[in-house]
Amino acid sequence: MKLDRAAKNKAASANLQRKYGITLADYNRMLKAQGGRCAICGRKPSKTRRLDVDHSHKSGRIRGLLCHRDNRGLAWFSDNPATLRAAADYLSK
């Protein structure tokens, strides 16, 4: 069964509130502030997938909206800036 737009928005809003304590309106303001794109690579969200809410796993603070690929990439580096910088240095060799 396909959900209509209103049902999808209601489900998304409930999920955002439960997981991050924000509303769909908050999410949309963040998306607009980022120019409608991933904060790292600049990709636009697809028609079937919104950008992920990126947050600190230590503090819970929301950092921004990322495409799924970039959000997962940060997770691989355990949100550790030093390790991520070392990986960037390695790629520059």
PDB file of N, CA and C in Angstrom:
ATOM      1  N   MET A   1       0.836  -1.184   0.000  1.00  0.00           N
ATOM      2  CA  MET A   1       0.000   0.000   0.000  1.00  0.00           C
ATOM      3  C   MET A   1       0.878   1.243   0.000  1.00  0.00           C
ATOM      4  N   LYS A   2       0.619   2.134  -0.933  1.00  0.00           N
ATOM      5  CA  LYS A   2       1.384   3.365  -1.048  1.00  0.00           C
ATOM      6  C   LYS A   2       0.815   4.428  -0.116  1.00  0.00           C
ATOM      7  N   LEU A   3       1.704   5.088   0.621  1.00  0.00           N
ATOM      8  CA  LEU A   3       1.260   6.177   1.482  1.00  0.00           C
ATOM      9  C   LEU A   3       1.187   7.470   0.687  1.00  0.00           C
ATOM     10  N   ASP A   4       0.184   8.277   0.966  1.00  0.00           N
ATOM     11  CA  ASP A   4       0.121   9.579   0.317  1.00  0.00           C
ATOM     12  C   ASP A   4       1.099  10.535   1.008  1.00  0.00           C
ATOM     13  N   ARG A   5       1.288  11.693   0.412  1.00  0.00           N
ATOM     14  CA  ARG A   5       2.273  12.654   0.919  1.00  0.00           C
ATOM     15  C   ARG A   5       1.987  13.046   2.372  1.00  0.00           C
ATOM     16  N   ALA A   6       0.731  13.283   2.708  1.00  0.00           N
ATOM     17  CA  ALA A   6       0.376  13.689   4.073  1.00  0.00           C
ATOM     18  C   ALA A   6       0.738  12.601   5.076  1.00  0.00           C
ATOM     19  N   ALA A   7       0.473  11.347   4.724  1.00  0.00           N
ATOM     20  CA  ALA A   7       0.801  10.235   5.616  1.00  0.00           C
ATOM     21  C   ALA A   7       2.311  10.087   5.762  1.00  0.00           C
ATOM     22  N   LYS A   8       3.045  10.263   4.661  1.00  0.00           N
ATOM     23  CA  LYS A   8       4.506  10.186   4.719  1.00  0.00           C
ATOM     24  C   LYS A   8       5.069  11.293   5.604  1.00  0.00           C
ATOM     25  N   ASN A   9       4.538  12.506   5.446  1.00  0.00           N
ATOM     26  CA  ASN A   9       5.007  13.624   6.262  1.00  0.00           C
ATOM     27  C   ASN A   9       4.690  13.411   7.738  1.00  0.00           C
ATOM     28  N   LYS A  10       3.522  12.851   8.023  1.00  0.00           N
ATOM     29  CA  LYS A  10       3.141  12.574   9.410  1.00  0.00           C
ATOM     30  C   LYS A  10       4.089  11.545  10.022  1.00  0.00           C
ATOM     31  N   ALA A  11       4.397  10.498   9.265  1.00  0.00           N
ATOM     32  CA  ALA A  11       5.319   9.466   9.748  1.00  0.00           C
ATOM     33  C   ALA A  11       6.720  10.045   9.937  1.00  0.00           C
ATOM     34  N   ALA A  12       7.169  10.861   8.980  1.00  0.00           N
ATOM     35  CA  ALA A  12       8.498  11.477   9.080  1.00  0.00           C
ATOM     36  C   ALA A  12       8.567  12.399  10.287  1.00  0.00           C
ATOM     37  N   SER A  13       7.519  13.168  10.509  1.00  0.00           N
ATOM     38  CA  SER A  13       7.485  14.088  11.641  1.00  0.00           C
ATOM     39  C   SER A  13       7.554  13.340  12.968  1.00  0.00           C
ATOM     40  N   ALA A  14       6.804  12.261  13.081  1.00  0.00           N
ATOM     41  CA  ALA A  14       6.819  11.461  14.308  1.00  0.00           C
ATOM     42  C   ALA A  14       8.195  10.853  14.533  1.00  0.00           C
ATOM     43  N   ASN A  15       8.826  10.373  13.470  1.00  0.00           N
ATOM     44  CA  ASN A  15      10.154   9.777  13.564  1.00  0.00           C
ATOM     45  C   ASN A  15      11.196  10.816  13.991  1.00  0.00           C
ATOM     46  N   LEU A  16      11.153  11.997  13.386  1.00  0.00           N
ATOM     47  CA  LEU A  16      12.099  13.062  13.735  1.00  0.00           C
ATOM     48  C   LEU A  16      11.924  13.487  15.190  1.00  0.00           C
ATOM     49  N   GLN A  17      10.678  13.586  15.622  1.00  0.00           N
ATOM     50  CA  GLN A  17      10.406  13.984  17.007  1.00  0.00           C
ATOM     51  C   GLN A  17      10.914  12.926  17.983  1.00  0.00           C
ATOM     52  N   ARG A  18      10.652  11.672  17.666  1.00  0.00           N
ATOM     53  CA  ARG A  18      11.058  10.572  18.551  1.00  0.00           C
ATOM     54  C   ARG A  18      12.573  10.441  18.626  1.00  0.00           C
ATOM     55  N   LYS A  19      13.246  10.487  17.476  1.00  0.00           N
ATOM     56  CA  LYS A  19      14.690  10.251  17.440  1.00  0.00           C
ATOM     57  C   LYS A  19      15.528  11.463  17.826  1.00  0.00           C
ATOM     58  N   TYR A  20      15.104  12.661  17.380  1.00  0.00           N
ATOM     59  CA  TYR A  20      15.978  13.830  17.512  1.00  0.00           C
ATOM     60  C   TYR A  20      15.342  15.009  18.243  1.00  0.00           C
ATOM     61  N   GLY A  21      14.063  14.906  18.565  1.00  0.00           N
ATOM     62  CA  GLY A  21      13.392  15.991  19.265  1.00  0.00           C
ATOM     63  C   GLY A  21      13.124  17.213  18.405  1.00  0.00           C
ATOM     64  N   ILE A  22      13.021  17.006  17.081  1.00  0.00           N
ATOM     65  CA  ILE A  22      12.729  18.112  16.168  1.00  0.00           C
ATOM     66  C   ILE A  22      11.467  17.806  15.372  1.00  0.00           C
ATOM     67  N   THR A  23      10.877  18.849  14.834  1.00  0.00           N
ATOM     68  CA  THR A  23       9.686  18.689  14.003  1.00  0.00           C
ATOM     69  C   THR A  23      10.091  18.633  12.534  1.00  0.00           C
ATOM     70  N   LEU A  24       9.138  18.281  11.699  1.00  0.00           N
ATOM     71  CA  LEU A  24       9.383  18.298  10.259  1.00  0.00           C
ATOM     72  C   LEU A  24       9.668  19.727   9.800  1.00  0.00           C
ATOM     73  N   ALA A  25       9.017  20.707  10.428  1.00  0.00           N
ATOM     74  CA  ALA A  25       9.287  22.117  10.100  1.00  0.00           C
ATOM     75  C   ALA A  25      10.733  22.476  10.454  1.00  0.00           C
ATOM     76  N   ASP A  26      11.232  21.978  11.601  1.00  0.00           N
ATOM     77  CA  ASP A  26      12.639  22.207  11.977  1.00  0.00           C
ATOM     78  C   ASP A  26      13.564  21.608  10.917  1.00  0.00           C
ATOM     79  N   TYR A  27      13.264  20.377  10.519  1.00  0.00           N
ATOM     80  CA  TYR A  27      14.063  19.694   9.498  1.00  0.00           C
ATOM     81  C   TYR A  27      14.075  20.511   8.209  1.00  0.00           C
ATOM     82  N   ASN A  28      12.903  20.961   7.794  1.00  0.00           N
ATOM     83  CA  ASN A  28      12.811  21.727   6.547  1.00  0.00           C
ATOM     84  C   ASN A  28      13.566  23.049   6.632  1.00  0.00           C
ATOM     85  N   ARG A  29      13.580  23.688   7.816  1.00  0.00           N
ATOM     86  CA  ARG A  29      14.376  24.913   7.997  1.00  0.00           C
ATOM     87  C   ARG A  29      15.865  24.610   7.874  1.00  0.00           C
ATOM     88  N   MET A  30      16.294  23.498   8.463  1.00  0.00           N
ATOM     89  CA  MET A  30      17.702  23.098   8.356  1.00  0.00           C
ATOM     90  C   MET A  30      18.061  22.832   6.901  1.00  0.00           C
ATOM     91  N   LEU A  31      17.180  22.129   6.200  1.00  0.00           N
ATOM     92  CA  LEU A  31      17.416  21.802   4.797  1.00  0.00           C
ATOM     93  C   LEU A  31      17.539  23.082   3.966  1.00  0.00           C
ATOM     94  N   LYS A  32      16.656  24.024   4.211  1.00  0.00           N
ATOM     95  CA  LYS A  32      16.705  25.295   3.477  1.00  0.00           C
ATOM     96  C   LYS A  32      17.994  26.049   3.796  1.00  0.00           C
ATOM     97  N   ALA A  33      18.399  26.072   5.069  1.00  0.00           N
ATOM     98  CA  ALA A  33      19.622  26.772   5.479  1.00  0.00           C
ATOM     99  C   ALA A  33      20.859  26.173   4.813  1.00  0.00           C
ATOM    100  N   GLN A  34      20.804  24.885   4.481  1.00  0.00           N
ATOM    101  CA  GLN A  34      21.916  24.192   3.805  1.00  0.00           C
ATOM    102  C   GLN A  34      21.777  24.247   2.292  1.00  0.00           C
ATOM    103  N   GLY A  35      20.853  25.010   1.793  1.00  0.00           N
ATOM    104  CA  GLY A  35      20.662  25.107   0.350  1.00  0.00           C
ATOM    105  C   GLY A  35      20.035  23.872  -0.256  1.00  0.00           C
ATOM    106  N   GLY A  36      19.362  23.054   0.576  1.00  0.00           N
ATOM    107  CA  GLY A  36      18.684  21.859   0.085  1.00  0.00           C
ATOM    108  C   GLY A  36      19.618  20.718  -0.264  1.00  0.00           C
ATOM    109  N   ARG A  37      20.835  20.757   0.279  1.00  0.00           N
ATOM    110  CA  ARG A  37      21.854  19.769  -0.096  1.00  0.00           C
ATOM    111  C   ARG A  37      22.576  19.203   1.124  1.00  0.00           C
ATOM    112  N   CYS A  38      23.253  18.082   0.912  1.00  0.00           N
ATOM    113  CA  CYS A  38      24.097  17.461   1.931  1.00  0.00           C
ATOM    114  C   CYS A  38      25.165  18.466   2.371  1.00  0.00           C
ATOM    115  N   ALA A  39      25.378  18.576   3.675  1.00  0.00           N
ATOM    116  CA  ALA A  39      26.352  19.529   4.215  1.00  0.00           C
ATOM    117  C   ALA A  39      27.792  19.163   3.873  1.00  0.00           C
ATOM    118  N   ILE A  40      28.050  17.932   3.438  1.00  0.00           N
ATOM    119  CA  ILE A  40      29.417  17.528   3.090  1.00  0.00           C
ATOM    120  C   ILE A  40      29.638  17.541   1.587  1.00  0.00           C
ATOM    121  N   CYS A  41      28.875  16.762   0.852  1.00  0.00           N
ATOM    122  CA  CYS A  41      29.163  16.595  -0.584  1.00  0.00           C
ATOM    123  C   CYS A  41      28.309  17.471  -1.497  1.00  0.00           C
ATOM    124  N   GLY A  42      27.250  18.066  -0.952  1.00  0.00           N
ATOM    125  CA  GLY A  42      26.404  18.934  -1.758  1.00  0.00           C
ATOM    126  C   GLY A  42      25.338  18.237  -2.570  1.00  0.00           C
ATOM    127  N   ARG A  43      25.166  16.914  -2.371  1.00  0.00           N
ATOM    128  CA  ARG A  43      24.112  16.191  -3.088  1.00  0.00           C
ATOM    129  C   ARG A  43      22.738  16.633  -2.626  1.00  0.00           C
ATOM    130  N   LYS A  44      21.794  16.630  -3.554  1.00  0.00           N
ATOM    131  CA  LYS A  44      20.398  16.875  -3.209  1.00  0.00           C
ATOM    132  C   LYS A  44      19.776  15.561  -2.748  1.00  0.00           C
ATOM    133  N   PRO A  45      18.767  15.629  -1.874  1.00  0.00           N
ATOM    134  CA  PRO A  45      18.085  14.391  -1.489  1.00  0.00           C
ATOM    135  C   PRO A  45      17.377  13.796  -2.701  1.00  0.00           C
ATOM    136  N   SER A  46      17.230  12.478  -2.703  1.00  0.00           N
ATOM    137  CA  SER A  46      16.521  11.831  -3.808  1.00  0.00           C
ATOM    138  C   SER A  46      15.019  11.966  -3.584  1.00  0.00           C
ATOM    139  N   LYS A  47      14.249  11.564  -4.563  1.00  0.00           N
ATOM    140  CA  LYS A  47      12.791  11.624  -4.434  1.00  0.00           C
ATOM    141  C   LYS A  47      12.281  10.620  -3.412  1.00  0.00           C
ATOM    142  N   THR A  48      13.068   9.591  -3.135  1.00  0.00           N
ATOM    143  CA  THR A  48      12.615   8.534  -2.231  1.00  0.00           C
ATOM    144  C   THR A  48      13.304   8.549  -0.873  1.00  0.00           C
ATOM    145  N   ARG A  49      14.325   9.385  -0.709  1.00  0.00           N
ATOM    146  CA  ARG A  49      15.044   9.381   0.564  1.00  0.00           C
ATOM    147  C   ARG A  49      15.434  10.798   0.969  1.00  0.00           C
ATOM    148  N   ARG A  50      15.027  11.170   2.165  1.00  0.00           N
ATOM    149  CA  ARG A  50      15.418  12.466   2.716  1.00  0.00           C
ATOM    150  C   ARG A  50      16.884  12.403   3.150  1.00  0.00           C
ATOM    151  N   LEU A  51      17.475  13.566   3.390  1.00  0.00           N
ATOM    152  CA  LEU A  51      18.812  13.597   3.973  1.00  0.00           C
ATOM    153  C   LEU A  51      18.714  13.125   5.419  1.00  0.00           C
ATOM    154  N   ASP A  52      19.776  12.478   5.897  1.00  0.00           N
ATOM    155  CA  ASP A  52      19.825  11.989   7.272  1.00  0.00           C
ATOM    156  C   ASP A  52      20.127  13.138   8.229  1.00  0.00           C
ATOM    157  N   VAL A  53      19.578  13.054   9.432  1.00  0.00           N
ATOM    158  CA  VAL A  53      19.912  14.007  10.486  1.00  0.00           C
ATOM    159  C   VAL A  53      21.199  13.507  11.131  1.00  0.00           C
ATOM    160  N   ASP A  54      22.272  14.274  10.975  1.00  0.00           N
ATOM    161  CA  ASP A  54      23.549  13.901  11.584  1.00  0.00           C
ATOM    162  C   ASP A  54      23.612  14.510  12.978  1.00  0.00           C
ATOM    163  N   HIS A  55      24.025  13.700  13.945  1.00  0.00           N
ATOM    164  CA  HIS A  55      24.097  14.176  15.327  1.00  0.00           C
ATOM    165  C   HIS A  55      25.272  13.529  16.037  1.00  0.00           C
ATOM    166  N   SER A  56      25.718  14.188  17.087  1.00  0.00           N
ATOM    167  CA  SER A  56      26.776  13.641  17.933  1.00  0.00           C
ATOM    168  C   SER A  56      26.191  12.510  18.767  1.00  0.00           C
ATOM    169  N   HIS A  57      26.842  11.371  18.738  1.00  0.00           N
ATOM    170  CA  HIS A  57      26.368  10.244  19.542  1.00  0.00           C
ATOM    171  C   HIS A  57      26.713  10.441  21.012  1.00  0.00           C
ATOM    172  N   LYS A  58      27.648  11.336  21.299  1.00  0.00           N
ATOM    173  CA  LYS A  58      28.001  11.625  22.697  1.00  0.00           C
ATOM    174  C   LYS A  58      27.018  12.601  23.326  1.00  0.00           C
ATOM    175  N   SER A  59      26.764  13.720  22.647  1.00  0.00           N
ATOM    176  CA  SER A  59      25.927  14.771  23.236  1.00  0.00           C
ATOM    177  C   SER A  59      24.492  14.774  22.724  1.00  0.00           C
ATOM    178  N   GLY A  60      24.263  14.163  21.562  1.00  0.00           N
ATOM    179  CA  GLY A  60      22.946  14.203  20.940  1.00  0.00           C
ATOM    180  C   GLY A  60      22.715  15.462  20.115  1.00  0.00           C
ATOM    181  N   ARG A  61      23.680  16.380  20.127  1.00  0.00           N
ATOM    182  CA  ARG A  61      23.548  17.649  19.396  1.00  0.00           C
ATOM    183  C   ARG A  61      23.467  17.393  17.898  1.00  0.00           C
ATOM    184  N   ILE A  62      22.504  18.016  17.253  1.00  0.00           N
ATOM    185  CA  ILE A  62      22.343  17.886  15.805  1.00  0.00           C
ATOM    186  C   ILE A  62      23.348  18.798  15.121  1.00  0.00           C
ATOM    187  N   ARG A  63      24.110  18.209  14.170  1.00  0.00           N
ATOM    188  CA  ARG A  63      25.126  18.979  13.448  1.00  0.00           C
ATOM    189  C   ARG A  63      24.617  19.474  12.109  1.00  0.00           C
ATOM    190  N   GLY A  64      23.769  18.706  11.454  1.00  0.00           N
ATOM    191  CA  GLY A  64      23.266  19.100  10.143  1.00  0.00           C
ATOM    192  C   GLY A  64      22.624  17.924   9.449  1.00  0.00           C
ATOM    193  N   LEU A  65      22.393  18.099   8.150  1.00  0.00           N
ATOM    194  CA  LEU A  65      21.761  17.068   7.332  1.00  0.00           C
ATOM    195  C   LEU A  65      22.765  16.560   6.311  1.00  0.00           C
ATOM    196  N   LEU A  66      22.860  15.243   6.209  1.00  0.00           N
ATOM    197  CA  LEU A  66      23.822  14.606   5.312  1.00  0.00           C
ATOM    198  C   LEU A  66      23.136  13.560   4.449  1.00  0.00           C
ATOM    199  N   CYS A  67      23.712  13.315   3.268  1.00  0.00           N
ATOM    200  CA  CYS A  67      23.246  12.182   2.473  1.00  0.00           C
ATOM    201  C   CYS A  67      23.603  10.909   3.241  1.00  0.00           C
ATOM    202  N   HIS A  68      22.920   9.845   2.924  1.00  0.00           N
ATOM    203  CA  HIS A  68      23.130   8.592   3.655  1.00  0.00           C
ATOM    204  C   HIS A  68      24.587   8.130   3.558  1.00  0.00           C
ATOM    205  N   ARG A  69      25.179   8.268   2.383  1.00  0.00           N
ATOM    206  CA  ARG A  69      26.564   7.823   2.190  1.00  0.00           C
ATOM    207  C   ARG A  69      27.518   8.575   3.116  1.00  0.00           C
ATOM    208  N   ASP A  70      27.396   9.889   3.177  1.00  0.00           N
ATOM    209  CA  ASP A  70      28.296  10.667   4.029  1.00  0.00           C
ATOM    210  C   ASP A  70      28.023  10.430   5.509  1.00  0.00           C
ATOM    211  N   ASN A  71      26.767  10.264   5.877  1.00  0.00           N
ATOM    212  CA  ASN A  71      26.441   9.990   7.273  1.00  0.00           C
ATOM    213  C   ASN A  71      27.029   8.651   7.711  1.00  0.00           C
ATOM    214  N   ARG A  72      26.929   7.645   6.854  1.00  0.00           N
ATOM    215  CA  ARG A  72      27.517   6.332   7.166  1.00  0.00           C
ATOM    216  C   ARG A  72      29.040   6.424   7.196  1.00  0.00           C
ATOM    217  N   GLY A  73      29.605   7.228   6.295  1.00  0.00           N
ATOM    218  CA  GLY A  73      31.055   7.401   6.278  1.00  0.00           C
ATOM    219  C   GLY A  73      31.573   7.958   7.591  1.00  0.00           C
ATOM    220  N   LEU A  74      30.882   8.952   8.133  1.00  0.00           N
ATOM    221  CA  LEU A  74      31.298   9.501   9.424  1.00  0.00           C
ATOM    222  C   LEU A  74      31.213   8.439  10.514  1.00  0.00           C
ATOM    223  N   ALA A  75      30.191   7.612  10.444  1.00  0.00           N
ATOM    224  CA  ALA A  75      30.034   6.553  11.445  1.00  0.00           C
ATOM    225  C   ALA A  75      31.212   5.586  11.411  1.00  0.00           C
ATOM    226  N   TRP A  76      31.733   5.308  10.220  1.00  0.00           N
ATOM    227  CA  TRP A  76      32.883   4.402  10.114  1.00  0.00           C
ATOM    228  C   TRP A  76      34.099   4.956  10.842  1.00  0.00           C
ATOM    229  N   PHE A  77      34.176   6.280  10.939  1.00  0.00           N
ATOM    230  CA  PHE A  77      35.293   6.916  11.632  1.00  0.00           C
ATOM    231  C   PHE A  77      34.941   7.261  13.075  1.00  0.00           C
ATOM    232  N   SER A  78      33.859   6.712  13.566  1.00  0.00           N
ATOM    233  CA  SER A  78      33.418   6.863  14.959  1.00  0.00           C
ATOM    234  C   SER A  78      33.345   8.319  15.399  1.00  0.00           C
ATOM    235  N   ASP A  79      32.969   9.206  14.473  1.00  0.00           N
ATOM    236  CA  ASP A  79      32.859  10.638  14.775  1.00  0.00           C
ATOM    237  C   ASP A  79      34.153  11.203  15.355  1.00  0.00           C
ATOM    238  N   ASN A  80      35.290  10.628  14.948  1.00  0.00           N
ATOM    239  CA  ASN A  80      36.589  11.051  15.469  1.00  0.00           C
ATOM    240  C   ASN A  80      37.293  11.936  14.438  1.00  0.00           C
ATOM    241  N   PRO A  81      37.369  13.253  14.674  1.00  0.00           N
ATOM    242  CA  PRO A  81      37.989  14.155  13.702  1.00  0.00           C
ATOM    243  C   PRO A  81      39.450  13.811  13.395  1.00  0.00           C
ATOM    244  N   ALA A  82      40.208  13.368  14.391  1.00  0.00           N
ATOM    245  CA  ALA A  82      41.622  13.048  14.163  1.00  0.00           C
ATOM    246  C   ALA A  82      41.761  11.877  13.194  1.00  0.00           C
ATOM    247  N   THR A  83      40.941  10.866  13.362  1.00  0.00           N
ATOM    248  CA  THR A  83      40.990   9.712  12.466  1.00  0.00           C
ATOM    249  C   THR A  83      40.540  10.110  11.065  1.00  0.00           C
ATOM    250  N   LEU A  84      39.530  10.937  10.984  1.00  0.00           N
ATOM    251  CA  LEU A  84      39.044  11.401   9.685  1.00  0.00           C
ATOM    252  C   LEU A  84      40.103  12.249   8.978  1.00  0.00           C
ATOM    253  N   ARG A  85      40.814  13.106   9.735  1.00  0.00           N
ATOM    254  CA  ARG A  85      41.909  13.895   9.143  1.00  0.00           C
ATOM    255  C   ARG A  85      43.027  12.980   8.652  1.00  0.00           C
ATOM    256  N   ALA A  86      43.344  11.951   9.443  1.00  0.00           N
ATOM    257  CA  ALA A  86      44.387  11.003   9.037  1.00  0.00           C
ATOM    258  C   ALA A  86      43.987  10.305   7.740  1.00  0.00           C
ATOM    259  N   ALA A  87      42.720   9.962   7.603  1.00  0.00           N
ATOM    260  CA  ALA A  87      42.246   9.331   6.368  1.00  0.00           C
ATOM    261  C   ALA A  87      42.361  10.308   5.201  1.00  0.00           C
ATOM    262  N   ALA A  88      42.016  11.569   5.420  1.00  0.00           N
ATOM    263  CA  ALA A  88      42.135  12.582   4.361  1.00  0.00           C
ATOM    264  C   ALA A  88      43.598  12.768   3.971  1.00  0.00           C
ATOM    265  N   ASP A  89      44.494  12.795   4.956  1.00  0.00           N
ATOM    266  CA  ASP A  89      45.932  12.902   4.667  1.00  0.00           C
ATOM    267  C   ASP A  89      46.400  11.707   3.848  1.00  0.00           C
ATOM    268  N   TYR A  90      45.930  10.524   4.208  1.00  0.00           N
ATOM    269  CA  TYR A  90      46.294   9.314   3.485  1.00  0.00           C
ATOM    270  C   TYR A  90      45.854   9.410   2.026  1.00  0.00           C
ATOM    271  N   LEU A  91      44.634   9.878   1.799  1.00  0.00           N
ATOM    272  CA  LEU A  91      44.121   9.998   0.434  1.00  0.00           C
ATOM    273  C   LEU A  91      44.885  11.030  -0.381  1.00  0.00           C
ATOM    274  N   SER A  92      45.523  11.978   0.281  1.00  0.00           N
ATOM    275  CA  SER A  92      46.283  13.028  -0.412  1.00  0.00           C
ATOM    276  C   SER A  92      47.655  12.560  -0.872  1.00  0.00           C
ATOM    277  N   LYS A  93      48.068  11.373  -0.446  1.00  0.00           N
ATOM    278  CA  LYS A  93      49.404  10.861  -0.821  1.00  0.00           C
ATOM    279  C   LYS A  93      49.473  10.576  -2.299  1.00  0.00           C
TER     280      LYS A  93
END
